[in-house]
Amino acid sequence: MKDIIKEYYTERAAIELECQQENLRNSTLSYYYEMLFELISNLKPDTLLDVGCGSAAFSSLFLNLGITVSGIEFAEQLARKAEDRGLVVYRYDLNSYFKLEKKFDVVLISAVLEHLWDPNKLIANLKANFIRELIIVVPNMSSLAERMGSLSGHPLKWMYPHGDHIRFMNLKVVKDLVHSNDLSVIEATGYSHVDLRFRKLHLPRLISRFFPSLCDVLIVRVRRTQ
């Protein structure tokens, strides 16, 4: 089964993901990516590691800020594209044990944990590699939209038709993963798709800050336990 998952990401999914990332790069950053870009930019890291970087359509934007960006990506087609954009790319299977000798100011794990057999293993692999913060981004399968959909008899949208999402993620799961690796949560915020008119009122950001578990996507900032 693991070989089937690996084949999926190195072949069919690689092409699909590249198309998605290229569309992202060629259009205005979505509200979610705006928040993530703003967060990392404000941290002003010298070095950034993007885990599961794909073609680096998003993380390569930080090169323009003078940040040295590296990535981990085992789909060769995507890894080469990321290298063409200026990243140093490590080719590791995120479902396997690996060890990076280098440390980075910020490590980003975005839209990755829900795809893994053992998300805890990946965090354990990387917990020694961030100096300042680890940022985890996952789809929230306990969001308000998911809860309402379940009450209406609809399947979880983050699990179906997303057949490659094999792990249930919500804030409790992420916190458990963090704490089991002797790390602590600095802050948890969220993102949900909202009408542009509401964005101007800044209400979505207030809701995402105080009630992240209601949002579609979770952004969790992590540090070492003091």
N, C-alpha and C. Protein backbone atom coordinates (compact mmCIF):
# COMPACT_ATOMS: atom_id res chain seq x y z
N MET A 1 0.83 -1.21 0.00
CA MET A 1 0.00 0.00 0.00
C MET A 1 0.86 1.26 0.00
N LYS A 2 1.97 1.24 0.77
CA LYS A 2 2.84 2.40 0.81
C LYS A 2 3.44 2.69 -0.57
N ASP A 3 3.75 1.62 -1.33
CA ASP A 3 4.28 1.81 -2.67
C ASP A 3 3.24 2.45 -3.58
N ILE A 4 1.96 2.11 -3.37
CA ILE A 4 0.89 2.70 -4.16
C ILE A 4 0.79 4.20 -3.88
N ILE A 5 0.87 4.57 -2.60
CA ILE A 5 0.84 5.99 -2.23
C ILE A 5 2.01 6.73 -2.84
N LYS A 6 3.20 6.12 -2.77
CA LYS A 6 4.39 6.77 -3.32
C LYS A 6 4.25 6.95 -4.83
N GLU A 7 3.74 5.93 -5.51
CA GLU A 7 3.54 6.03 -6.96
C GLU A 7 2.55 7.13 -7.29
N TYR A 8 1.51 7.25 -6.47
CA TYR A 8 0.50 8.29 -6.69
C TYR A 8 1.13 9.67 -6.68
N TYR A 9 2.00 9.94 -5.69
CA TYR A 9 2.57 11.27 -5.56
C TYR A 9 3.69 11.54 -6.56
N THR A 10 4.38 10.51 -6.99
CA THR A 10 5.47 10.73 -7.93
C THR A 10 5.00 10.79 -9.38
N GLU A 11 3.78 10.38 -9.64
CA GLU A 11 3.29 10.38 -11.01
C GLU A 11 2.05 11.27 -11.17
N ARG A 12 0.87 10.72 -11.01
CA ARG A 12 -0.35 11.48 -11.30
C ARG A 12 -0.49 12.72 -10.42
N ALA A 13 -0.28 12.57 -9.13
CA ALA A 13 -0.47 13.71 -8.22
C ALA A 13 0.55 14.80 -8.48
N ALA A 14 1.76 14.42 -8.89
CA ALA A 14 2.79 15.43 -9.15
C ALA A 14 2.34 16.39 -10.23
N ILE A 15 1.74 15.85 -11.28
CA ILE A 15 1.27 16.70 -12.37
C ILE A 15 0.11 17.58 -11.90
N GLU A 16 -0.82 17.00 -11.15
CA GLU A 16 -1.96 17.77 -10.65
C GLU A 16 -1.50 18.87 -9.70
N LEU A 17 -0.59 18.54 -8.80
CA LEU A 17 -0.11 19.52 -7.83
C LEU A 17 0.65 20.65 -8.51
N GLU A 18 1.43 20.31 -9.53
CA GLU A 18 2.17 21.35 -10.23
C GLU A 18 1.21 22.32 -10.91
N CYS A 19 0.16 21.79 -11.53
CA CYS A 19 -0.83 22.66 -12.17
C CYS A 19 -1.49 23.59 -11.15
N GLN A 20 -1.82 23.04 -9.98
CA GLN A 20 -2.44 23.85 -8.94
C GLN A 20 -1.50 24.94 -8.47
N GLN A 21 -0.23 24.59 -8.26
CA GLN A 21 0.72 25.58 -7.76
C GLN A 21 1.02 26.64 -8.80
N GLU A 22 1.08 26.24 -10.06
CA GLU A 22 1.33 27.23 -11.10
C GLU A 22 0.16 28.21 -11.20
N ASN A 23 -1.06 27.70 -11.07
CA ASN A 23 -2.23 28.58 -11.08
C ASN A 23 -2.17 29.55 -9.92
N LEU A 24 -1.72 29.06 -8.77
CA LEU A 24 -1.58 29.92 -7.60
C LEU A 24 -0.58 31.03 -7.87
N ARG A 25 0.55 30.67 -8.46
CA ARG A 25 1.61 31.65 -8.69
C ARG A 25 1.19 32.70 -9.72
N ASN A 26 0.37 32.29 -10.67
CA ASN A 26 -0.02 33.19 -11.75
C ASN A 26 -1.25 34.03 -11.41
N SER A 27 -1.75 33.90 -10.20
CA SER A 27 -2.90 34.69 -9.79
C SER A 27 -2.60 35.33 -8.44
N THR A 28 -3.52 36.14 -7.97
CA THR A 28 -3.35 36.77 -6.67
C THR A 28 -3.36 35.71 -5.58
N LEU A 29 -2.49 35.85 -4.59
CA LEU A 29 -2.44 34.89 -3.50
C LEU A 29 -3.81 34.81 -2.82
N SER A 30 -4.25 33.59 -2.55
CA SER A 30 -5.51 33.42 -1.84
C SER A 30 -5.37 34.00 -0.44
N TYR A 31 -6.51 34.18 0.22
CA TYR A 31 -6.51 34.77 1.56
C TYR A 31 -5.67 33.93 2.51
N TYR A 32 -5.78 32.61 2.38
CA TYR A 32 -4.99 31.70 3.22
C TYR A 32 -3.50 31.91 2.99
N TYR A 33 -3.08 31.98 1.73
CA TYR A 33 -1.66 32.19 1.44
C TYR A 33 -1.22 33.59 1.81
N GLU A 34 -2.12 34.54 1.73
CA GLU A 34 -1.79 35.90 2.20
C GLU A 34 -1.43 35.86 3.68
N MET A 35 -2.23 35.17 4.48
CA MET A 35 -1.99 35.07 5.91
C MET A 35 -0.66 34.36 6.19
N LEU A 36 -0.42 33.27 5.48
CA LEU A 36 0.80 32.51 5.69
C LEU A 36 2.02 33.30 5.25
N PHE A 37 1.90 33.98 4.11
CA PHE A 37 3.01 34.80 3.61
C PHE A 37 3.31 35.93 4.59
N GLU A 38 2.26 36.55 5.10
CA GLU A 38 2.43 37.65 6.05
C GLU A 38 3.08 37.16 7.34
N LEU A 39 2.64 36.01 7.82
CA LEU A 39 3.19 35.45 9.05
C LEU A 39 4.68 35.19 8.92
N ILE A 40 5.08 34.49 7.88
CA ILE A 40 6.50 34.14 7.71
C ILE A 40 7.32 35.38 7.43
N SER A 41 6.79 36.31 6.63
CA SER A 41 7.52 37.55 6.34
C SER A 41 7.79 38.34 7.60
N ASN A 42 6.80 38.41 8.49
CA ASN A 42 6.96 39.16 9.72
C ASN A 42 7.97 38.53 10.67
N LEU A 43 8.18 37.23 10.55
CA LEU A 43 9.18 36.56 11.38
C LEU A 43 10.60 36.90 10.93
N LYS A 44 10.73 37.34 9.67
CA LYS A 44 12.02 37.73 9.10
C LYS A 44 13.11 36.65 9.30
N PRO A 45 12.83 35.43 8.88
CA PRO A 45 13.86 34.39 9.02
C PRO A 45 14.96 34.58 7.99
N ASP A 46 16.15 34.14 8.32
CA ASP A 46 17.22 34.11 7.33
C ASP A 46 17.11 32.86 6.47
N THR A 47 16.61 31.78 7.06
CA THR A 47 16.49 30.51 6.34
C THR A 47 15.11 29.91 6.58
N LEU A 48 14.59 29.25 5.54
CA LEU A 48 13.26 28.63 5.59
C LEU A 48 13.33 27.27 4.92
N LEU A 49 12.74 26.26 5.56
CA LEU A 49 12.62 24.94 4.96
C LEU A 49 11.15 24.67 4.72
N ASP A 50 10.78 24.41 3.46
CA ASP A 50 9.40 24.10 3.08
C ASP A 50 9.31 22.59 2.86
N VAL A 51 8.62 21.90 3.76
CA VAL A 51 8.53 20.45 3.73
C VAL A 51 7.37 20.04 2.81
N GLY A 52 7.69 19.25 1.80
CA GLY A 52 6.69 18.94 0.78
C GLY A 52 6.46 20.16 -0.09
N CYS A 53 7.55 20.75 -0.57
CA CYS A 53 7.50 22.06 -1.23
C CYS A 53 6.84 22.04 -2.60
N GLY A 54 6.68 20.83 -3.19
CA GLY A 54 6.12 20.78 -4.54
C GLY A 54 7.02 21.52 -5.52
N SER A 55 6.43 22.31 -6.39
CA SER A 55 7.23 23.07 -7.36
C SER A 55 7.68 24.40 -6.79
N ALA A 56 7.41 24.64 -5.49
CA ALA A 56 7.85 25.85 -4.78
C ALA A 56 7.22 27.12 -5.32
N ALA A 57 6.02 27.00 -5.88
CA ALA A 57 5.33 28.20 -6.37
C ALA A 57 5.09 29.19 -5.24
N PHE A 58 4.84 28.68 -4.04
CA PHE A 58 4.62 29.57 -2.89
C PHE A 58 5.94 29.93 -2.21
N SER A 59 6.70 28.95 -1.78
CA SER A 59 7.87 29.25 -0.95
C SER A 59 8.97 29.99 -1.70
N SER A 60 9.01 29.86 -3.02
CA SER A 60 10.03 30.60 -3.78
C SER A 60 9.79 32.11 -3.73
N LEU A 61 8.58 32.53 -3.37
CA LEU A 61 8.30 33.96 -3.24
C LEU A 61 9.15 34.61 -2.16
N PHE A 62 9.57 33.81 -1.18
CA PHE A 62 10.38 34.36 -0.09
C PHE A 62 11.82 34.65 -0.52
N LEU A 63 12.24 34.10 -1.65
CA LEU A 63 13.56 34.42 -2.17
C LEU A 63 13.68 35.91 -2.47
N ASN A 64 12.56 36.52 -2.88
CA ASN A 64 12.56 37.95 -3.18
C ASN A 64 12.77 38.81 -1.94
N LEU A 65 12.60 38.21 -0.76
CA LEU A 65 12.81 38.93 0.50
C LEU A 65 14.21 38.70 1.05
N GLY A 66 15.04 38.01 0.29
CA GLY A 66 16.40 37.74 0.74
C GLY A 66 16.52 36.54 1.66
N ILE A 67 15.46 35.74 1.74
CA ILE A 67 15.47 34.55 2.59
C ILE A 67 16.03 33.37 1.78
N THR A 68 16.92 32.61 2.39
CA THR A 68 17.42 31.39 1.77
C THR A 68 16.40 30.28 1.99
N VAL A 69 15.86 29.76 0.90
CA VAL A 69 14.76 28.79 0.99
C VAL A 69 15.22 27.42 0.50
N SER A 70 14.93 26.41 1.30
CA SER A 70 15.19 25.02 0.93
C SER A 70 13.87 24.26 0.97
N GLY A 71 13.86 23.09 0.39
CA GLY A 71 12.64 22.30 0.38
C GLY A 71 12.92 20.82 0.48
N ILE A 72 11.89 20.07 0.83
CA ILE A 72 11.92 18.61 0.77
C ILE A 72 10.83 18.17 -0.17
N GLU A 73 11.19 17.39 -1.18
CA GLU A 73 10.21 16.94 -2.18
C GLU A 73 10.77 15.70 -2.88
N PHE A 74 10.04 14.58 -2.84
CA PHE A 74 10.56 13.38 -3.51
C PHE A 74 9.96 13.15 -4.88
N ALA A 75 8.94 13.91 -5.29
CA ALA A 75 8.44 13.81 -6.66
C ALA A 75 9.42 14.55 -7.57
N GLU A 76 10.14 13.81 -8.37
CA GLU A 76 11.26 14.38 -9.11
C GLU A 76 10.85 15.54 -10.01
N GLN A 77 9.72 15.42 -10.65
CA GLN A 77 9.26 16.48 -11.55
C GLN A 77 9.09 17.80 -10.80
N LEU A 78 8.51 17.71 -9.61
CA LEU A 78 8.31 18.91 -8.80
C LEU A 78 9.62 19.42 -8.21
N ALA A 79 10.47 18.49 -7.78
CA ALA A 79 11.75 18.87 -7.18
C ALA A 79 12.61 19.65 -8.18
N ARG A 80 12.64 19.21 -9.42
CA ARG A 80 13.43 19.92 -10.44
C ARG A 80 12.88 21.32 -10.67
N LYS A 81 11.55 21.45 -10.67
CA LYS A 81 10.94 22.77 -10.85
C LYS A 81 11.31 23.69 -9.69
N ALA A 82 11.29 23.16 -8.48
CA ALA A 82 11.66 23.95 -7.30
C ALA A 82 13.12 24.38 -7.38
N GLU A 83 13.98 23.49 -7.84
CA GLU A 83 15.40 23.84 -7.98
C GLU A 83 15.59 24.92 -9.04
N ASP A 84 14.82 24.83 -10.12
CA ASP A 84 14.88 25.85 -11.16
C ASP A 84 14.51 27.23 -10.60
N ARG A 85 13.68 27.22 -9.58
CA ARG A 85 13.24 28.49 -8.97
C ARG A 85 14.22 29.00 -7.92
N GLY A 86 15.25 28.22 -7.61
CA GLY A 86 16.28 28.70 -6.71
C GLY A 86 16.36 28.02 -5.37
N LEU A 87 15.57 26.97 -5.14
CA LEU A 87 15.63 26.25 -3.88
C LEU A 87 16.69 25.16 -3.89
N VAL A 88 17.23 24.87 -2.74
CA VAL A 88 17.98 23.65 -2.52
C VAL A 88 16.97 22.60 -2.09
N VAL A 89 16.88 21.49 -2.81
CA VAL A 89 15.82 20.52 -2.55
C VAL A 89 16.41 19.19 -2.10
N TYR A 90 15.91 18.71 -0.95
CA TYR A 90 16.28 17.40 -0.43
C TYR A 90 15.20 16.41 -0.84
N ARG A 91 15.60 15.28 -1.36
CA ARG A 91 14.66 14.29 -1.86
C ARG A 91 14.47 13.18 -0.83
N TYR A 92 13.50 13.37 0.04
CA TYR A 92 13.17 12.38 1.06
C TYR A 92 11.70 11.99 0.94
N ASP A 93 11.44 10.72 1.21
CA ASP A 93 10.07 10.23 1.33
C ASP A 93 9.59 10.61 2.73
N LEU A 94 8.55 11.43 2.81
CA LEU A 94 8.10 11.95 4.09
C LEU A 94 7.44 10.88 4.96
N ASN A 95 7.16 9.70 4.40
CA ASN A 95 6.64 8.60 5.19
C ASN A 95 7.74 7.76 5.83
N SER A 96 8.99 8.10 5.54
CA SER A 96 10.12 7.31 6.02
C SER A 96 10.96 8.11 7.01
N TYR A 97 11.82 7.40 7.73
CA TYR A 97 12.76 8.08 8.62
C TYR A 97 13.84 8.74 7.79
N PHE A 98 14.20 9.97 8.12
CA PHE A 98 15.34 10.64 7.50
C PHE A 98 15.91 11.62 8.51
N LYS A 99 17.12 12.07 8.25
CA LYS A 99 17.77 13.00 9.17
C LYS A 99 18.48 14.08 8.38
N LEU A 100 18.09 15.32 8.65
CA LEU A 100 18.76 16.49 8.06
C LEU A 100 19.77 17.02 9.07
N GLU A 101 20.97 17.29 8.61
CA GLU A 101 21.99 17.82 9.51
C GLU A 101 21.86 19.33 9.68
N LYS A 102 21.25 20.00 8.71
CA LYS A 102 21.19 21.45 8.73
C LYS A 102 20.00 21.95 9.55
N LYS A 103 20.17 23.14 10.16
CA LYS A 103 19.08 23.78 10.90
C LYS A 103 18.58 25.00 10.13
N PHE A 104 17.30 25.32 10.32
CA PHE A 104 16.66 26.43 9.63
C PHE A 104 15.92 27.29 10.66
N ASP A 105 15.87 28.60 10.41
CA ASP A 105 15.14 29.48 11.33
C ASP A 105 13.69 29.04 11.46
N VAL A 106 13.05 28.80 10.32
CA VAL A 106 11.64 28.41 10.29
C VAL A 106 11.48 27.17 9.41
N VAL A 107 10.73 26.20 9.90
CA VAL A 107 10.36 25.03 9.11
C VAL A 107 8.85 25.07 8.89
N LEU A 108 8.42 24.96 7.65
CA LEU A 108 7.01 24.99 7.28
C LEU A 108 6.55 23.61 6.82
N ILE A 109 5.52 23.08 7.46
CA ILE A 109 4.88 21.84 7.02
C ILE A 109 3.44 22.18 6.66
N SER A 110 3.18 22.40 5.39
CA SER A 110 1.87 22.88 4.94
C SER A 110 1.19 21.86 4.04
N ALA A 111 -0.03 21.47 4.43
CA ALA A 111 -0.84 20.53 3.64
C ALA A 111 -0.09 19.22 3.39
N VAL A 112 0.54 18.71 4.44
CA VAL A 112 1.35 17.50 4.35
C VAL A 112 0.90 16.42 5.33
N LEU A 113 0.68 16.77 6.58
CA LEU A 113 0.46 15.76 7.62
C LEU A 113 -0.74 14.87 7.33
N GLU A 114 -1.77 15.43 6.69
CA GLU A 114 -2.97 14.64 6.41
C GLU A 114 -2.73 13.59 5.32
N HIS A 115 -1.57 13.65 4.67
CA HIS A 115 -1.25 12.71 3.60
C HIS A 115 -0.36 11.55 4.08
N LEU A 116 0.04 11.55 5.34
CA LEU A 116 1.06 10.63 5.82
C LEU A 116 0.50 9.48 6.64
N TRP A 117 1.18 8.33 6.54
CA TRP A 117 0.81 7.19 7.38
C TRP A 117 1.05 7.52 8.85
N ASP A 118 2.17 8.16 9.14
CA ASP A 118 2.53 8.44 10.53
C ASP A 118 2.99 9.89 10.64
N PRO A 119 2.07 10.84 10.83
CA PRO A 119 2.45 12.26 10.93
C PRO A 119 3.43 12.52 12.06
N ASN A 120 3.32 11.74 13.13
CA ASN A 120 4.22 11.93 14.27
C ASN A 120 5.67 11.70 13.88
N LYS A 121 5.89 10.75 12.98
CA LYS A 121 7.26 10.43 12.55
C LYS A 121 7.90 11.63 11.85
N LEU A 122 7.13 12.33 11.03
CA LEU A 122 7.68 13.48 10.31
C LEU A 122 8.08 14.58 11.28
N ILE A 123 7.22 14.88 12.24
CA ILE A 123 7.55 15.91 13.22
C ILE A 123 8.78 15.50 14.03
N ALA A 124 8.86 14.22 14.40
CA ALA A 124 10.03 13.73 15.12
C ALA A 124 11.29 13.87 14.27
N ASN A 125 11.16 13.62 12.96
CA ASN A 125 12.31 13.76 12.06
C ASN A 125 12.85 15.19 12.02
N LEU A 126 11.93 16.16 12.17
CA LEU A 126 12.29 17.56 11.91
C LEU A 126 12.40 18.44 13.15
N LYS A 127 12.06 17.90 14.31
CA LYS A 127 11.98 18.78 15.50
C LYS A 127 13.34 19.34 15.91
N ALA A 128 14.42 18.72 15.45
CA ALA A 128 15.75 19.25 15.77
C ALA A 128 16.25 20.23 14.70
N ASN A 129 15.45 20.44 13.67
CA ASN A 129 15.93 21.22 12.52
C ASN A 129 15.41 22.65 12.47
N PHE A 130 14.56 23.06 13.41
CA PHE A 130 14.13 24.45 13.40
C PHE A 130 14.73 25.18 14.60
N ILE A 131 15.15 26.42 14.34
CA ILE A 131 15.78 27.22 15.38
C ILE A 131 14.74 28.05 16.12
N ARG A 132 13.83 28.66 15.36
CA ARG A 132 12.86 29.57 15.97
C ARG A 132 11.45 28.99 16.01
N GLU A 133 10.91 28.61 14.84
CA GLU A 133 9.53 28.13 14.82
C GLU A 133 9.32 27.03 13.80
N LEU A 134 8.40 26.16 14.14
CA LEU A 134 7.84 25.19 13.20
C LEU A 134 6.40 25.64 12.95
N ILE A 135 6.02 25.76 11.69
CA ILE A 135 4.66 26.18 11.33
C ILE A 135 3.96 25.02 10.64
N ILE A 136 2.84 24.60 11.22
CA ILE A 136 2.08 23.47 10.69
C ILE A 136 0.76 23.98 10.13
N VAL A 137 0.44 23.59 8.91
CA VAL A 137 -0.82 23.97 8.27
C VAL A 137 -1.55 22.70 7.85
N VAL A 138 -2.80 22.55 8.31
CA VAL A 138 -3.58 21.35 7.99
C VAL A 138 -5.03 21.74 7.70
N PRO A 139 -5.74 20.92 6.92
CA PRO A 139 -7.19 21.13 6.79
C PRO A 139 -7.86 20.72 8.09
N ASN A 140 -8.83 21.50 8.52
CA ASN A 140 -9.52 21.24 9.78
C ASN A 140 -10.79 20.43 9.52
N MET A 141 -10.75 19.17 9.89
CA MET A 141 -11.89 18.30 9.64
C MET A 141 -12.96 18.40 10.73
N SER A 142 -12.75 19.35 11.67
CA SER A 142 -13.78 19.64 12.67
C SER A 142 -14.29 21.07 12.53
N SER A 143 -14.12 21.65 11.36
CA SER A 143 -14.55 23.02 11.13
C SER A 143 -16.07 23.12 11.21
N LEU A 144 -16.56 24.35 11.31
CA LEU A 144 -18.00 24.56 11.36
C LEU A 144 -18.67 24.01 10.10
N ALA A 145 -18.04 24.25 8.95
CA ALA A 145 -18.61 23.76 7.69
C ALA A 145 -18.69 22.23 7.68
N GLU A 146 -17.63 21.57 8.19
CA GLU A 146 -17.64 20.11 8.22
C GLU A 146 -18.71 19.60 9.19
N ARG A 147 -18.87 20.26 10.33
CA ARG A 147 -19.87 19.83 11.31
C ARG A 147 -21.28 19.97 10.74
N MET A 148 -21.54 21.10 10.09
CA MET A 148 -22.86 21.32 9.50
C MET A 148 -23.13 20.31 8.39
N GLY A 149 -22.07 20.04 7.59
CA GLY A 149 -22.22 19.08 6.52
C GLY A 149 -22.53 17.68 7.04
N SER A 150 -21.86 17.30 8.14
CA SER A 150 -22.09 15.98 8.73
C SER A 150 -23.52 15.86 9.24
N LEU A 151 -24.02 16.93 9.86
CA LEU A 151 -25.40 16.90 10.35
C LEU A 151 -26.40 16.78 9.21
N SER A 152 -26.00 17.26 8.02
CA SER A 152 -26.87 17.20 6.85
C SER A 152 -26.70 15.91 6.06
N GLY A 153 -25.82 15.03 6.56
CA GLY A 153 -25.61 13.76 5.90
C GLY A 153 -24.57 13.76 4.81
N HIS A 154 -23.78 14.85 4.72
CA HIS A 154 -22.74 14.93 3.70
C HIS A 154 -21.42 14.38 4.23
N PRO A 155 -20.59 13.78 3.36
CA PRO A 155 -19.28 13.29 3.81
C PRO A 155 -18.35 14.46 4.09
N LEU A 156 -17.32 14.21 4.89
CA LEU A 156 -16.33 15.25 5.18
C LEU A 156 -15.65 15.69 3.88
N LYS A 157 -15.72 16.97 3.57
CA LYS A 157 -15.19 17.44 2.29
C LYS A 157 -13.67 17.30 2.23
N TRP A 158 -12.99 17.32 3.42
CA TRP A 158 -11.53 17.18 3.41
C TRP A 158 -11.10 15.72 3.27
N MET A 159 -12.06 14.78 3.38
CA MET A 159 -11.73 13.37 3.19
C MET A 159 -12.28 12.85 1.86
N TYR A 160 -13.38 13.43 1.42
CA TYR A 160 -14.00 12.99 0.17
C TYR A 160 -14.36 14.23 -0.64
N PRO A 161 -13.86 14.40 -1.87
CA PRO A 161 -13.21 13.37 -2.69
C PRO A 161 -11.69 13.34 -2.57
N HIS A 162 -11.11 13.91 -1.50
CA HIS A 162 -9.66 13.91 -1.33
C HIS A 162 -9.19 12.53 -0.88
N GLY A 163 -9.10 11.59 -1.81
CA GLY A 163 -8.69 10.24 -1.46
C GLY A 163 -7.28 10.15 -0.95
N ASP A 164 -6.45 11.17 -1.20
CA ASP A 164 -5.07 11.16 -0.73
C ASP A 164 -4.96 11.68 0.70
N HIS A 165 -6.06 12.16 1.29
CA HIS A 165 -6.07 12.56 2.70
C HIS A 165 -6.37 11.31 3.52
N ILE A 166 -5.37 10.78 4.18
CA ILE A 166 -5.54 9.50 4.87
C ILE A 166 -5.49 9.66 6.39
N ARG A 167 -5.32 10.90 6.88
CA ARG A 167 -5.32 11.16 8.31
C ARG A 167 -6.29 12.29 8.65
N PHE A 168 -7.06 12.08 9.69
CA PHE A 168 -8.01 13.08 10.18
C PHE A 168 -7.23 14.14 10.95
N MET A 169 -7.41 15.41 10.60
CA MET A 169 -6.69 16.49 11.26
C MET A 169 -7.65 17.53 11.83
N ASN A 170 -7.42 17.90 13.07
CA ASN A 170 -8.08 19.05 13.68
C ASN A 170 -7.13 19.62 14.72
N LEU A 171 -7.55 20.63 15.45
CA LEU A 171 -6.64 21.30 16.37
C LEU A 171 -6.17 20.37 17.48
N LYS A 172 -7.07 19.53 18.00
CA LYS A 172 -6.69 18.59 19.06
C LYS A 172 -5.62 17.61 18.57
N VAL A 173 -5.78 17.09 17.35
CA VAL A 173 -4.81 16.15 16.80
C VAL A 173 -3.44 16.83 16.65
N VAL A 174 -3.43 18.04 16.11
CA VAL A 174 -2.17 18.76 15.92
C VAL A 174 -1.49 19.02 17.26
N LYS A 175 -2.26 19.46 18.24
CA LYS A 175 -1.68 19.73 19.57
C LYS A 175 -1.12 18.46 20.18
N ASP A 176 -1.80 17.34 20.01
CA ASP A 176 -1.29 16.07 20.53
C ASP A 176 0.02 15.69 19.86
N LEU A 177 0.11 15.88 18.53
CA LEU A 177 1.34 15.59 17.81
C LEU A 177 2.48 16.48 18.31
N VAL A 178 2.17 17.75 18.52
CA VAL A 178 3.18 18.70 18.99
C VAL A 178 3.67 18.32 20.39
N HIS A 179 2.74 18.08 21.29
CA HIS A 179 3.11 17.80 22.69
C HIS A 179 3.83 16.46 22.82
N SER A 180 3.47 15.49 21.98
CA SER A 180 4.13 14.19 22.06
C SER A 180 5.59 14.25 21.63
N ASN A 181 5.97 15.34 20.97
CA ASN A 181 7.36 15.54 20.56
C ASN A 181 8.06 16.58 21.43
N ASP A 182 7.50 16.82 22.62
CA ASP A 182 8.09 17.76 23.58
C ASP A 182 8.23 19.16 23.00
N LEU A 183 7.22 19.56 22.25
CA LEU A 183 7.15 20.90 21.68
C LEU A 183 5.90 21.58 22.24
N SER A 184 5.77 22.88 22.02
CA SER A 184 4.60 23.60 22.53
C SER A 184 4.02 24.52 21.46
N VAL A 185 2.74 24.79 21.56
CA VAL A 185 2.04 25.65 20.61
C VAL A 185 2.15 27.10 21.06
N ILE A 186 2.62 27.96 20.16
CA ILE A 186 2.67 29.40 20.42
C ILE A 186 1.31 30.02 20.16
N GLU A 187 0.73 29.66 19.01
CA GLU A 187 -0.51 30.29 18.57
C GLU A 187 -1.17 29.40 17.52
N ALA A 188 -2.49 29.35 17.55
CA ALA A 188 -3.24 28.65 16.51
C ALA A 188 -4.25 29.62 15.92
N THR A 189 -4.21 29.78 14.61
CA THR A 189 -5.18 30.60 13.91
C THR A 189 -5.80 29.77 12.80
N GLY A 190 -6.77 30.34 12.10
CA GLY A 190 -7.43 29.58 11.06
C GLY A 190 -7.74 30.42 9.85
N TYR A 191 -8.23 29.74 8.83
CA TYR A 191 -8.62 30.41 7.59
C TYR A 191 -9.86 29.72 7.04
N SER A 192 -10.81 30.51 6.59
CA SER A 192 -11.98 29.97 5.88
C SER A 192 -12.24 30.82 4.65
N HIS A 193 -12.80 30.21 3.63
CA HIS A 193 -13.14 30.94 2.42
C HIS A 193 -14.30 31.89 2.72
N VAL A 194 -14.08 33.17 2.48
CA VAL A 194 -15.12 34.16 2.78
C VAL A 194 -15.25 35.13 1.61
N ASP A 195 -16.40 35.77 1.56
CA ASP A 195 -16.66 36.79 0.55
C ASP A 195 -15.71 37.97 0.75
N LEU A 196 -15.23 38.54 -0.35
CA LEU A 196 -14.30 39.67 -0.26
C LEU A 196 -14.85 40.83 0.55
N ARG A 197 -16.17 41.02 0.52
CA ARG A 197 -16.77 42.13 1.27
C ARG A 197 -16.54 41.96 2.77
N PHE A 198 -16.57 40.72 3.23
CA PHE A 198 -16.36 40.47 4.66
C PHE A 198 -14.89 40.59 5.03
N ARG A 199 -14.01 40.29 4.09
CA ARG A 199 -12.58 40.41 4.39
C ARG A 199 -12.23 41.84 4.78
N LYS A 200 -12.86 42.81 4.11
CA LYS A 200 -12.55 44.21 4.37
C LYS A 200 -12.91 44.63 5.80
N LEU A 201 -13.82 43.89 6.41
CA LEU A 201 -14.20 44.20 7.79
C LEU A 201 -13.27 43.55 8.80
N HIS A 202 -12.36 42.70 8.30
CA HIS A 202 -11.39 41.99 9.14
C HIS A 202 -12.05 41.01 10.11
N LEU A 203 -13.33 40.74 9.93
CA LEU A 203 -14.01 39.79 10.81
C LEU A 203 -13.44 38.37 10.69
N PRO A 204 -13.12 37.90 9.46
CA PRO A 204 -12.57 36.55 9.36
C PRO A 204 -11.30 36.37 10.18
N ARG A 205 -10.45 37.40 10.23
CA ARG A 205 -9.21 37.26 10.99
C ARG A 205 -9.49 37.24 12.49
N LEU A 206 -10.48 37.99 12.92
CA LEU A 206 -10.83 37.98 14.33
C LEU A 206 -11.38 36.61 14.72
N ILE A 207 -12.26 36.07 13.87
CA ILE A 207 -12.83 34.75 14.14
C ILE A 207 -11.74 33.69 14.12
N SER A 208 -10.82 33.78 13.14
CA SER A 208 -9.78 32.76 13.01
C SER A 208 -8.82 32.79 14.18
N ARG A 209 -8.66 33.96 14.78
CA ARG A 209 -7.73 34.07 15.91
C ARG A 209 -8.34 33.54 17.20
N PHE A 210 -9.60 33.86 17.44
CA PHE A 210 -10.22 33.48 18.71
C PHE A 210 -10.98 32.16 18.64
N PHE A 211 -11.39 31.75 17.44
CA PHE A 211 -12.12 30.50 17.29
C PHE A 211 -11.55 29.68 16.11
N PRO A 212 -10.26 29.33 16.18
CA PRO A 212 -9.64 28.63 15.05
C PRO A 212 -10.30 27.31 14.71
N SER A 213 -10.88 26.63 15.70
CA SER A 213 -11.49 25.32 15.45
C SER A 213 -12.73 25.39 14.57
N LEU A 214 -13.24 26.61 14.33
CA LEU A 214 -14.39 26.77 13.44
C LEU A 214 -13.96 26.93 11.99
N CYS A 215 -12.67 27.15 11.75
CA CYS A 215 -12.18 27.49 10.41
C CYS A 215 -11.85 26.26 9.58
N ASP A 216 -11.77 26.45 8.27
CA ASP A 216 -11.52 25.35 7.35
C ASP A 216 -10.08 24.86 7.38
N VAL A 217 -9.14 25.79 7.60
CA VAL A 217 -7.72 25.46 7.60
C VAL A 217 -7.10 26.00 8.88
N LEU A 218 -6.20 25.23 9.48
CA LEU A 218 -5.52 25.63 10.71
C LEU A 218 -4.07 25.99 10.43
N ILE A 219 -3.60 27.07 11.03
CA ILE A 219 -2.20 27.47 10.96
C ILE A 219 -1.68 27.49 12.40
N VAL A 220 -0.77 26.58 12.73
CA VAL A 220 -0.32 26.40 14.11
C VAL A 220 1.18 26.69 14.20
N ARG A 221 1.52 27.64 15.05
CA ARG A 221 2.92 28.00 15.28
C ARG A 221 3.45 27.24 16.48
N VAL A 222 4.63 26.65 16.32
CA VAL A 222 5.18 25.74 17.33
C VAL A 222 6.61 26.15 17.68
N ARG A 223 6.96 25.94 18.94
CA ARG A 223 8.33 26.18 19.40
C ARG A 223 8.73 25.07 20.35
N ARG A 224 9.97 25.08 20.75
CA ARG A 224 10.42 24.10 21.73
C ARG A 224 9.87 24.43 23.11
N THR A 225 9.60 23.41 23.87
CA THR A 225 9.11 23.62 25.23
C THR A 225 10.21 24.25 26.06
N GLN A 226 9.86 25.34 26.73
CA GLN A 226 10.86 26.07 27.53
C GLN A 226 11.17 25.28 28.80
